[in-house]
C-alpha cells in the first residue's frame, strides 16, 4: 500500500495543476483581459500576461493556504462581525 497511486486517490481532480473551477476562472480572466485590452487599444498578448498573473496568484494562494482556500475564505467572510475582535489574526484583544 505504499504505492503513490494509493496516496494520491484523495487529491482533487486537477488539470495542469489547477482544479476545473480554477481553470474556468482563468478562462474568464483571459476573455476579460482580452476585451479590456481591445477596449484600451493594447495588443491581445497583454490578456495572456494578465491571465498568467492570475494563474500565478491562484497557485500562490493554494500553496500558502491549502487546497480548499476558496471555501475557507468564504467561510471566514461569513463570520458574524462580533467575532472579529476575538480573532487571532486581527491582533486586537478585549
Protein backbone atom coordinates (compact mmCIF):
# COMPACT_ATOMS: atom_id res chain seq x y z
CA UNK A 1 0.00 0.00 0.00
CA UNK A 2 2.98 2.34 -0.30
CA UNK A 3 2.38 2.92 -3.98
CA UNK A 4 1.98 6.60 -4.98
CA UNK A 5 -1.31 5.71 -6.66
CA UNK A 6 -2.95 4.91 -3.34
CA UNK A 7 -1.62 8.08 -1.72
CA UNK A 8 -2.96 10.35 -4.46
CA UNK A 9 -6.51 9.00 -4.64
CA UNK A 10 -7.83 11.52 -2.13
CA UNK A 11 -6.45 14.56 -4.00
CA UNK A 12 -8.96 16.63 -6.00
CA UNK A 13 -9.12 16.31 -9.79
CA UNK A 14 -6.64 18.66 -11.46
CA UNK A 15 -5.65 19.56 -14.99
CA UNK A 16 -2.21 21.17 -15.37
CA UNK A 17 -2.18 21.65 -11.59
CA UNK A 18 -5.47 23.56 -11.46
CA UNK A 19 -8.94 22.40 -10.46
CA UNK A 20 -11.73 22.78 -13.04
CA UNK A 21 -13.14 25.78 -11.16
CA UNK A 22 -9.74 27.48 -11.23
CA UNK A 23 -9.41 26.71 -14.95
CA UNK A 24 -12.81 28.28 -15.57
CA UNK A 25 -11.64 31.33 -13.61
CA UNK A 26 -8.52 31.53 -15.76
CA UNK A 27 -10.60 31.29 -18.94
CA UNK A 28 -12.84 34.08 -17.67
CA UNK A 29 -9.76 36.17 -16.81
CA UNK A 30 -8.36 35.62 -20.32
CA UNK A 31 -11.60 36.69 -22.00
CA UNK A 32 -11.98 39.68 -19.68
CA UNK A 33 -8.34 40.66 -20.22
CA UNK A 34 -8.71 40.35 -23.99
CA UNK A 35 -11.79 42.55 -24.05
CA UNK A 36 -10.17 45.09 -21.75
CA UNK A 37 -7.01 45.15 -23.87
CA UNK A 38 -9.05 45.65 -27.04
CA UNK A 39 -11.05 48.44 -25.40
CA UNK A 40 -7.88 50.24 -24.28
CA UNK A 41 -6.17 49.74 -27.64
CA UNK A 42 -3.45 47.34 -26.45
CA UNK A 43 -2.41 44.10 -28.09
CA UNK A 44 -4.25 40.95 -27.07
CA UNK A 45 -0.97 39.50 -25.85
CA UNK A 46 -1.47 41.55 -22.70
CA UNK A 47 -4.50 39.38 -21.98
CA UNK A 48 -2.17 36.40 -21.80
CA UNK A 49 0.14 38.28 -19.41
CA UNK A 50 -2.87 39.19 -17.26
CA UNK A 51 -4.03 35.56 -17.24
CA UNK A 52 -0.57 34.31 -16.29
CA UNK A 53 -0.52 36.77 -13.37
CA UNK A 54 -3.92 35.50 -12.20
CA UNK A 55 -2.69 31.89 -12.55
CA UNK A 56 0.43 32.64 -10.52
CA UNK A 57 -1.72 34.29 -7.84
CA UNK A 58 -4.05 31.28 -7.70
CA UNK A 59 -1.08 28.94 -7.46
CA UNK A 60 0.48 31.01 -4.65
CA UNK A 61 -2.83 31.11 -2.74
CA UNK A 62 -3.21 27.35 -2.97
CA UNK A 63 0.37 26.70 -1.84
CA UNK A 64 0.13 29.09 1.11
CA UNK A 65 -3.45 28.46 2.25
CA UNK A 66 -4.09 24.84 1.29
CA UNK A 67 -6.25 23.11 -1.27
CA UNK A 68 -9.61 24.47 -0.16
CA UNK A 69 -8.63 28.12 0.28
CA UNK A 70 -11.72 29.40 -1.56
CA UNK A 71 -14.13 27.63 0.75
CA UNK A 72 -12.14 28.72 3.79
CA UNK A 73 -12.15 32.32 2.60
CA UNK A 74 -15.91 32.28 2.03
CA UNK A 75 -16.47 30.73 5.45
CA UNK A 76 -14.25 33.41 7.03
CA UNK A 77 -16.09 36.23 5.26
CA UNK A 78 -19.43 34.91 6.53
CA UNK A 79 -18.43 35.12 10.19
CA UNK A 80 -20.54 37.45 12.34
CA UNK A 81 -18.97 40.86 12.91
CA UNK A 82 -18.91 40.44 16.69
CA UNK A 83 -16.33 37.64 16.31
CA UNK A 84 -13.76 39.84 14.52
CA UNK A 85 -12.23 41.34 17.70
CA UNK A 86 -11.69 37.84 19.11
CA UNK A 87 -9.81 36.52 16.08
CA UNK A 88 -6.10 35.90 16.36
CA UNK A 89 -5.28 37.47 13.01
CA UNK A 90 -6.70 40.89 13.85
CA UNK A 91 -4.33 41.31 16.79
CA UNK A 92 -6.86 43.14 18.95
CA UNK A 93 -7.93 41.79 22.31
CA UNK A 94 -10.74 42.90 24.56
